[in-house]
Amino acid sequence: MSENTIISFENVSKSYSDGTQVLKDVSFELERGKFYTLLGPSGCGKTTILRLIAGFMEPTEGDIFFNGKKINKVPANERQVNTVFQDYALFPHLNVFENVAFGLRIQKVAEAEIKQRVEEALKFVNLAGYGVREIPEMSGGQRQRVAIARAIVNDPEIILLDEPLSALDLKLRTEMQYELRELQQRLGKTFIFVTHDQEEALAMSDEIFVLNEGNIQQSGTPVDIYDEPINRFVADFIGESNIISGIMVRDFVVSMNGQEFECVDQGLNPNEKVDVVVRPEDLELTSVEKGKLVVTVDSQLFRGVHYELSTYDEAGNEWLVHSLKQADVGAKIGLDFDPEAIHIMRLNETEEDFDKRLESYGAESDEK
């Protein structure tokens, strides 16, 4: 555990009274001052992790550390953690000022200090002068800012955000993504954000933890997660992917659909079965004669910035293509792509083994 580690999970599991296990032997470390996102489908365990950090529940097995001290049984009100809930949990009968001041009043902070700290918090979230406004009079984005002001007014070390953007319309949601990221950077606090929206996670995070069925599938920067998914679940959940079964012929050569293609992956066994990932935006439309693949266009949709083509090859594999060019439905077209566009995933590879394989790439490149 490094000096900069603020939260550490060591072999943490959580089961409910009915025997349902929602977290399975989870271990990770979070550094102070970063924006983390827990990403995954409903029921994967991401909100459970948030509640364990907040102190709303205790782990069934394993230990949780805050600044190096075990906090398994530390009550929520004694932790330097505040939560922004999905529905904001504001008191409709209190005005904006009193909502933000609520926690300070519970702590019996002096009135003059309450006034100063609440006004500073409201100014920080661009709500200066809104103290007398009633909650029902506030827009969705304003209510979220009130909830954030209430979370930061106690100066916590960690701010937890449980899908706080899910109720907003698309335009406001995008605006609030920028605001939350900018706020985290100004505060310098550790933000832990829960979402099932992969675009949100990619846009806002320093590091993403992708969860499924109570396990962390992969963690890393948004670029790492998107460009180097460890398995089918991550590749399919983070963005759109074409995932085809293949065979690793040898280093830098993979076979799929009975054809061999150059790639940039190495360190796998000759003739090992693998999954091959090619992102839709990395496929380029060309003539049948020039294409590395020949596909038939099944359907086409205009997505504003590109056309989305659903196609299939002679083996029956579906290929999703994002292109600036149109193609006629029913037409045969060629698809071209660079070796760098191919990503190889070993079947049932652990994140630890995957990281070692990536490290070996760098080591061999240095030797050369």
Protein backbone atom coordinates (compact mmCIF):
# COMPACT_ATOMS: atom_id res chain seq x y z
CA MET A 1 0.00 0.00 0.00
CA SER A 2 1.60 3.28 -1.13
CA GLU A 3 1.64 6.51 0.90
CA ASN A 4 -0.79 8.06 -1.59
CA THR A 5 -3.37 5.26 -1.19
CA ILE A 6 -6.58 6.56 0.35
CA ILE A 7 -8.86 3.48 0.04
CA SER A 8 -7.81 -0.15 -0.10
CA PHE A 9 -9.97 -3.29 -0.43
CA GLU A 10 -8.28 -6.55 0.52
CA ASN A 11 -10.14 -9.72 -0.50
CA VAL A 12 -13.53 -8.15 0.20
CA SER A 13 -16.68 -10.20 -0.27
CA LYS A 14 -20.26 -9.23 0.51
CA SER A 15 -23.25 -11.54 0.84
CA TYR A 16 -26.81 -10.72 1.85
CA SER A 17 -28.86 -12.58 4.45
CA ASP A 18 -30.52 -14.70 1.76
CA GLY A 19 -27.12 -16.01 0.68
CA THR A 20 -26.78 -13.89 -2.47
CA GLN A 21 -23.13 -12.93 -2.99
CA VAL A 22 -22.77 -9.51 -4.61
CA LEU A 23 -19.00 -9.08 -4.24
CA LYS A 24 -16.48 -11.90 -4.63
CA ASP A 25 -12.96 -11.53 -3.23
CA VAL A 26 -12.44 -7.97 -4.53
CA SER A 27 -9.08 -6.23 -4.06
CA PHE A 28 -7.97 -2.80 -5.27
CA GLU A 29 -6.31 0.45 -4.19
CA LEU A 30 -7.41 4.02 -4.90
CA GLU A 31 -5.08 7.02 -4.77
CA ARG A 32 -6.10 10.37 -3.35
CA GLY A 33 -7.05 13.21 -5.70
CA LYS A 34 -8.21 11.11 -8.66
CA PHE A 35 -11.55 10.61 -10.41
CA TYR A 36 -12.49 6.92 -10.33
CA THR A 37 -15.48 5.31 -12.02
CA LEU A 38 -17.09 2.00 -11.13
CA LEU A 39 -18.70 0.82 -14.36
CA GLY A 40 -20.92 -2.13 -15.04
CA PRO A 41 -24.47 -3.42 -15.57
CA SER A 42 -27.17 -3.38 -12.90
CA GLY A 43 -26.46 -5.84 -10.10
CA CYS A 44 -22.72 -6.12 -10.79
CA GLY A 45 -21.68 -4.86 -7.33
CA LYS A 46 -20.64 -1.26 -8.05
CA THR A 47 -23.14 0.40 -5.67
CA THR A 48 -22.27 -2.20 -3.02
CA ILE A 49 -18.64 -1.03 -3.17
CA LEU A 50 -19.82 2.56 -2.73
CA ARG A 51 -21.94 1.62 0.30
CA LEU A 52 -19.04 -0.29 1.86
CA ILE A 53 -16.79 2.76 1.50
CA ALA A 54 -19.49 5.03 2.91
CA GLY A 55 -20.04 2.77 5.92
CA PHE A 56 -23.66 1.95 5.14
CA MET A 57 -22.80 -1.77 5.29
CA GLU A 58 -19.94 -4.01 6.43
CA PRO A 59 -18.07 -6.62 4.36
CA THR A 60 -18.87 -10.27 4.94
CA GLU A 61 -15.21 -11.16 4.42
CA GLY A 62 -12.01 -9.17 3.89
CA ASP A 63 -10.87 -5.76 5.06
CA ILE A 64 -11.30 -2.14 3.98
CA PHE A 65 -8.64 0.45 4.81
CA PHE A 66 -8.91 4.26 4.81
CA ASN A 67 -5.56 6.08 4.91
CA GLY A 68 -4.00 2.81 6.06
CA LYS A 69 -6.43 2.22 8.95
CA LYS A 70 -8.95 -0.61 8.98
CA ILE A 71 -12.51 0.79 8.89
CA ASN A 72 -14.73 -2.31 8.62
CA LYS A 73 -16.77 -1.33 11.67
CA VAL A 74 -16.28 2.46 11.67
CA PRO A 75 -19.74 4.13 11.57
CA ALA A 76 -20.67 6.16 8.49
CA ASN A 77 -20.81 9.44 10.46
CA GLU A 78 -17.19 8.99 11.56
CA ARG A 79 -15.78 8.58 8.05
CA GLN A 80 -14.38 11.44 5.97
CA VAL A 81 -16.76 10.48 3.17
CA ASN A 82 -19.91 12.11 1.76
CA THR A 83 -22.34 10.71 -0.80
CA VAL A 84 -24.32 12.30 -3.65
CA PHE A 85 -27.26 9.98 -4.24
CA GLN A 86 -29.05 9.21 -7.50
CA ASP A 87 -32.18 11.10 -6.41
CA TYR A 88 -30.04 13.75 -4.60
CA ALA A 89 -31.96 13.07 -1.30
CA LEU A 90 -32.66 16.78 -0.76
CA PHE A 91 -35.20 17.92 1.82
CA PRO A 92 -38.08 19.55 -0.11
CA HIS A 93 -39.32 21.45 2.96
CA LEU A 94 -35.93 23.17 3.44
CA ASN A 95 -34.52 25.87 1.18
CA VAL A 96 -31.16 25.57 -0.57
CA PHE A 97 -29.17 27.12 2.28
CA GLU A 98 -30.70 24.86 4.92
CA ASN A 99 -30.19 21.73 2.78
CA VAL A 100 -26.49 22.49 2.48
CA ALA A 101 -26.23 23.50 6.16
CA PHE A 102 -28.02 20.40 7.46
CA GLY A 103 -24.92 18.34 8.26
CA LEU A 104 -23.18 21.28 9.88
CA ARG A 105 -26.15 21.89 12.16
CA ILE A 106 -26.12 18.22 13.20
CA GLN A 107 -22.48 18.74 14.22
CA LYS A 108 -23.51 21.90 16.16
CA VAL A 109 -21.15 24.14 14.21
CA ALA A 110 -21.35 27.83 15.17
CA GLU A 111 -23.88 29.85 13.16
CA ALA A 112 -21.31 32.29 11.76
CA GLU A 113 -19.14 29.43 10.51
CA ILE A 114 -22.18 27.68 8.99
CA LYS A 115 -23.05 30.82 7.03
CA GLN A 116 -19.50 31.19 5.76
CA ARG A 117 -19.04 27.55 4.77
CA VAL A 118 -22.45 27.22 3.08
CA GLU A 119 -21.93 30.39 1.06
CA GLU A 120 -18.47 29.17 0.00
CA ALA A 121 -19.87 25.79 -1.04
CA LEU A 122 -22.70 27.36 -3.05
CA LYS A 123 -20.27 29.71 -4.76
CA PHE A 124 -18.05 26.74 -5.61
CA VAL A 125 -20.89 25.02 -7.47
CA ASN A 126 -22.03 28.24 -9.19
CA LEU A 127 -25.10 28.74 -6.99
CA ALA A 128 -24.06 31.93 -5.19
CA GLY A 129 -27.20 33.86 -4.22
CA TYR A 130 -29.48 30.82 -4.44
CA GLY A 131 -29.62 30.15 -0.70
CA VAL A 132 -33.22 31.31 -0.22
CA ARG A 133 -34.52 29.39 -3.24
CA GLU A 134 -36.90 26.51 -2.49
CA ILE A 135 -35.91 23.02 -3.75
CA PRO A 136 -39.10 22.46 -5.85
CA GLU A 137 -38.21 25.67 -7.74
CA MET A 138 -34.82 24.30 -8.82
CA SER A 139 -34.05 22.56 -12.12
CA GLY A 140 -32.53 19.07 -12.25
CA GLY A 141 -29.03 20.42 -12.82
CA GLN A 142 -29.41 22.97 -10.01
CA ARG A 143 -30.62 20.29 -7.60
CA GLN A 144 -27.57 18.23 -8.40
CA ARG A 145 -25.35 21.21 -7.61
CA VAL A 146 -27.14 21.64 -4.28
CA ALA A 147 -26.48 17.97 -3.49
CA ILE A 148 -22.80 18.39 -4.38
CA ALA A 149 -22.56 21.56 -2.25
CA ARG A 150 -24.01 19.61 0.68
CA ALA A 151 -21.44 16.87 0.07
CA ILE A 152 -18.41 19.19 -0.01
CA VAL A 153 -19.40 21.60 2.79
CA ASN A 154 -17.99 19.21 5.43
CA ASP A 155 -14.65 19.05 3.55
CA PRO A 156 -14.59 15.23 3.17
CA GLU A 157 -11.58 13.43 1.73
CA ILE A 158 -13.75 11.28 -0.56
CA ILE A 159 -16.93 12.15 -2.44
CA LEU A 160 -19.08 9.23 -3.61
CA LEU A 161 -21.48 9.74 -6.52
CA ASP A 162 -24.13 7.07 -7.10
CA GLU A 163 -25.38 7.56 -10.69
CA PRO A 164 -26.16 11.26 -10.05
CA LEU A 165 -26.65 12.08 -13.76
CA SER A 166 -29.10 9.33 -14.68
CA ALA A 167 -32.25 11.46 -14.27
CA LEU A 168 -31.01 14.33 -16.47
CA ASP A 169 -31.72 14.83 -20.17
CA LEU A 170 -28.89 14.18 -22.61
CA LYS A 171 -27.79 17.81 -23.11
CA LEU A 172 -27.79 18.63 -19.40
CA ARG A 173 -26.12 15.32 -18.61
CA THR A 174 -23.25 16.17 -20.95
CA GLU A 175 -22.89 19.64 -19.41
CA MET A 176 -22.82 18.17 -15.91
CA GLN A 177 -20.10 15.70 -16.91
CA TYR A 178 -17.82 18.65 -17.70
CA GLU A 179 -18.83 20.44 -14.51
CA LEU A 180 -18.24 17.41 -12.27
CA ARG A 181 -14.81 16.74 -13.78
CA GLU A 182 -13.80 20.40 -13.48
CA LEU A 183 -15.12 20.51 -9.89
CA GLN A 184 -13.11 17.44 -8.90
CA GLN A 185 -9.95 18.98 -10.32
CA ARG A 186 -10.54 22.27 -8.48
CA LEU A 187 -11.28 20.52 -5.19
CA GLY A 188 -8.43 18.05 -5.50
CA LYS A 189 -10.58 15.44 -3.75
CA THR A 190 -11.00 11.75 -4.54
CA PHE A 191 -14.23 11.22 -6.48
CA ILE A 192 -15.70 7.71 -6.83
CA PHE A 193 -18.44 7.72 -9.45
CA VAL A 194 -20.88 4.89 -10.18
CA THR A 195 -22.50 4.53 -13.60
CA HIS A 196 -23.64 1.96 -16.16
CA ASP A 197 -23.01 4.47 -19.00
CA GLN A 198 -19.69 3.67 -20.69
CA GLU A 199 -19.50 6.99 -22.56
CA GLU A 200 -19.84 8.81 -19.24
CA ALA A 201 -17.05 6.71 -17.74
CA LEU A 202 -14.71 7.25 -20.69
CA ALA A 203 -15.29 11.02 -20.67
CA MET A 204 -14.79 11.72 -16.97
CA SER A 205 -12.39 9.24 -15.39
CA ASP A 206 -8.74 9.04 -14.50
CA GLU A 207 -9.27 5.33 -13.96
CA ILE A 208 -12.16 2.93 -14.62
CA PHE A 209 -13.03 -0.30 -12.84
CA VAL A 210 -15.24 -2.52 -15.01
CA LEU A 211 -17.34 -4.90 -12.90
CA ASN A 212 -19.51 -7.88 -13.70
CA GLU A 213 -21.17 -10.42 -11.41
CA GLY A 214 -19.34 -9.20 -8.31
CA ASN A 215 -15.84 -9.25 -9.83
CA ILE A 216 -13.55 -6.58 -11.24
CA GLN A 217 -13.04 -7.62 -14.85
CA GLN A 218 -10.46 -4.95 -15.68
CA SER A 219 -9.13 -1.63 -14.40
CA GLY A 220 -7.13 1.07 -16.12
CA THR A 221 -7.25 4.44 -17.84
CA PRO A 222 -10.10 5.06 -20.29
CA VAL A 223 -7.67 4.67 -23.20
CA ASP A 224 -6.29 1.39 -21.83
CA ILE A 225 -9.76 -0.05 -21.24
CA TYR A 226 -11.00 0.97 -24.68
CA ASP A 227 -7.92 0.01 -26.70
CA GLU A 228 -6.89 -3.11 -24.77
CA PRO A 229 -9.99 -4.89 -23.40
CA ILE A 230 -9.11 -8.05 -21.52
CA ASN A 231 -12.13 -10.18 -22.50
CA ARG A 232 -15.39 -10.29 -24.45
CA PHE A 233 -17.40 -8.69 -21.66
CA VAL A 234 -15.15 -5.62 -21.40
CA ALA A 235 -14.79 -5.27 -25.17
CA ASP A 236 -18.55 -5.47 -25.65
CA PHE A 237 -19.44 -3.26 -22.66
CA ILE A 238 -16.93 -0.49 -23.42
CA GLY A 239 -17.99 0.90 -26.78
CA GLU A 240 -19.11 -1.16 -29.75
CA SER A 241 -16.96 -4.03 -30.96
CA ASN A 242 -16.70 -6.67 -33.61
CA ILE A 243 -15.59 -9.83 -31.77
CA ILE A 244 -14.67 -12.81 -33.95
CA SER A 245 -13.30 -16.22 -32.96
CA GLY A 246 -9.79 -16.75 -34.29
CA ILE A 247 -6.53 -18.67 -34.00
CA MET A 248 -3.18 -17.09 -33.18
CA VAL A 249 -1.00 -18.59 -35.92
CA ARG A 250 2.22 -17.11 -34.52
CA ASP A 251 3.44 -13.78 -33.17
CA PHE A 252 1.95 -10.94 -35.24
CA VAL A 253 -0.27 -13.22 -37.35
CA VAL A 254 -3.86 -14.22 -36.54
CA SER A 255 -6.33 -16.31 -38.52
CA MET A 256 -10.07 -15.72 -38.71
CA ASN A 257 -12.61 -16.83 -41.31
CA GLY A 258 -9.88 -19.02 -42.81
CA GLN A 259 -7.75 -15.97 -43.66
CA GLU A 260 -4.51 -14.82 -42.07
CA PHE A 261 -4.05 -11.19 -41.01
CA GLU A 262 -1.09 -9.26 -39.68
CA CYS A 263 -1.55 -7.88 -36.16
CA VAL A 264 0.65 -6.33 -33.48
CA ASP A 265 0.06 -8.90 -30.70
CA GLN A 266 2.62 -11.39 -29.47
CA GLY A 267 3.34 -13.66 -26.52
CA LEU A 268 0.56 -16.17 -27.22
CA ASN A 269 0.95 -19.86 -28.04
CA PRO A 270 1.07 -20.94 -31.70
CA ASN A 271 -2.38 -22.14 -32.87
CA GLU A 272 -4.01 -20.90 -29.64
CA LYS A 273 -7.72 -20.12 -29.87
CA VAL A 274 -8.38 -16.40 -29.28
CA ASP A 275 -11.02 -13.72 -29.62
CA VAL A 276 -10.28 -11.03 -32.19
CA VAL A 277 -11.58 -7.49 -31.65
CA VAL A 278 -11.87 -4.80 -34.32
CA ARG A 279 -13.64 -1.55 -33.45
CA PRO A 280 -16.27 -0.31 -35.97
CA GLU A 281 -14.49 3.03 -36.44
CA ASP A 282 -11.28 1.23 -37.50
CA LEU A 283 -12.93 -0.38 -40.54
CA GLU A 284 -12.67 1.50 -43.84
CA LEU A 285 -14.99 0.98 -46.80
CA THR A 286 -13.24 0.08 -50.03
CA SER A 287 -13.81 -1.93 -53.20
CA VAL A 288 -14.33 -5.69 -53.11
CA GLU A 289 -11.00 -6.12 -54.93
CA LYS A 290 -9.03 -4.08 -52.37
CA GLY A 291 -10.79 -5.26 -49.22
CA LYS A 292 -9.15 -7.54 -46.69
CA LEU A 293 -12.69 -8.71 -45.96
CA VAL A 294 -15.70 -8.89 -48.27
CA VAL A 295 -19.09 -8.30 -46.61
CA THR A 296 -22.70 -7.74 -47.58
CA VAL A 297 -24.52 -4.63 -46.30
CA ASP A 298 -27.57 -5.68 -44.29
CA SER A 299 -28.74 -2.26 -43.05
CA GLN A 300 -27.61 1.34 -42.72
CA LEU A 301 -28.43 4.10 -40.21
CA PHE A 302 -27.36 7.75 -40.19
CA ARG A 303 -25.97 8.65 -36.75
CA GLY A 304 -25.20 12.33 -37.36
CA VAL A 305 -21.39 12.14 -37.36
CA HIS A 306 -21.21 8.86 -39.29
CA TYR A 307 -23.19 6.12 -41.00
CA GLU A 308 -23.61 2.90 -39.07
CA LEU A 309 -23.55 -0.12 -41.37
CA SER A 310 -24.57 -3.59 -40.25
CA THR A 311 -22.85 -6.12 -42.51
CA TYR A 312 -22.02 -9.85 -42.58
CA ASP A 313 -19.32 -11.96 -44.21
CA GLU A 314 -19.56 -15.31 -46.01
CA ALA A 315 -18.97 -17.19 -42.74
CA GLY A 316 -21.99 -15.49 -41.19
CA ASN A 317 -20.02 -13.19 -38.87
CA GLU A 318 -21.61 -9.79 -38.30
CA TRP A 319 -19.44 -6.71 -38.82
CA LEU A 320 -20.51 -3.28 -37.54
CA VAL A 321 -18.93 -0.41 -39.47
CA HIS A 322 -18.82 3.31 -38.67
CA SER A 323 -18.11 5.22 -41.87
CA LEU A 324 -18.37 8.67 -43.37
CA LYS A 325 -19.40 6.97 -46.61
CA GLN A 326 -22.76 5.43 -47.47
CA ALA A 327 -23.30 1.99 -48.98
CA ASP A 328 -26.31 0.41 -50.65
CA VAL A 329 -28.22 -2.19 -48.66
CA GLY A 330 -27.61 -5.59 -50.26
CA ALA A 331 -24.35 -4.51 -51.91
CA LYS A 332 -21.07 -6.36 -51.47
CA ILE A 333 -18.25 -4.10 -50.24
CA GLY A 334 -14.67 -4.48 -49.12
CA LEU A 335 -13.43 -3.65 -45.62
CA ASP A 336 -9.85 -2.55 -45.02
CA PHE A 337 -8.06 -2.12 -41.67
CA ASP A 338 -4.53 -1.71 -40.31
CA PRO A 339 -2.72 -4.37 -38.24
CA GLU A 340 -2.92 -1.94 -35.29
CA ALA A 341 -6.73 -2.11 -35.48
CA ILE A 342 -6.70 -5.79 -34.48
CA HIS A 343 -6.71 -6.57 -30.77
CA ILE A 344 -6.22 -10.15 -29.59
CA MET A 345 -7.86 -11.43 -26.41
CA ARG A 346 -6.74 -14.70 -24.84
CA LEU A 347 -9.64 -16.87 -23.68
CA ASN A 348 -10.17 -16.77 -19.88
CA GLU A 349 -7.08 -14.63 -19.29
CA THR A 350 -6.80 -12.97 -15.87
CA GLU A 351 -6.04 -9.26 -15.57
CA GLU A 352 -2.71 -10.10 -13.89
CA ASP A 353 -1.63 -12.35 -16.78
CA PHE A 354 -2.85 -9.77 -19.29
CA ASP A 355 -0.75 -7.04 -17.64
CA LYS A 356 2.32 -9.28 -17.68
CA ARG A 357 1.83 -9.98 -21.38
CA LEU A 358 1.60 -6.25 -22.12
CA GLU A 359 4.74 -5.62 -20.06
CA SER A 360 6.57 -8.26 -22.09
CA TYR A 361 5.76 -6.29 -25.26
CA GLY A 362 7.54 -3.27 -23.87
CA ALA A 363 10.49 -5.30 -22.63
CA GLU A 364 11.01 -6.95 -26.01
CA SER A 365 10.67 -3.59 -27.79
CA ASP A 366 13.36 -2.12 -25.48
CA GLU A 367 15.72 -5.02 -26.28
CA LYS A 368 15.28 -4.38 -29.98
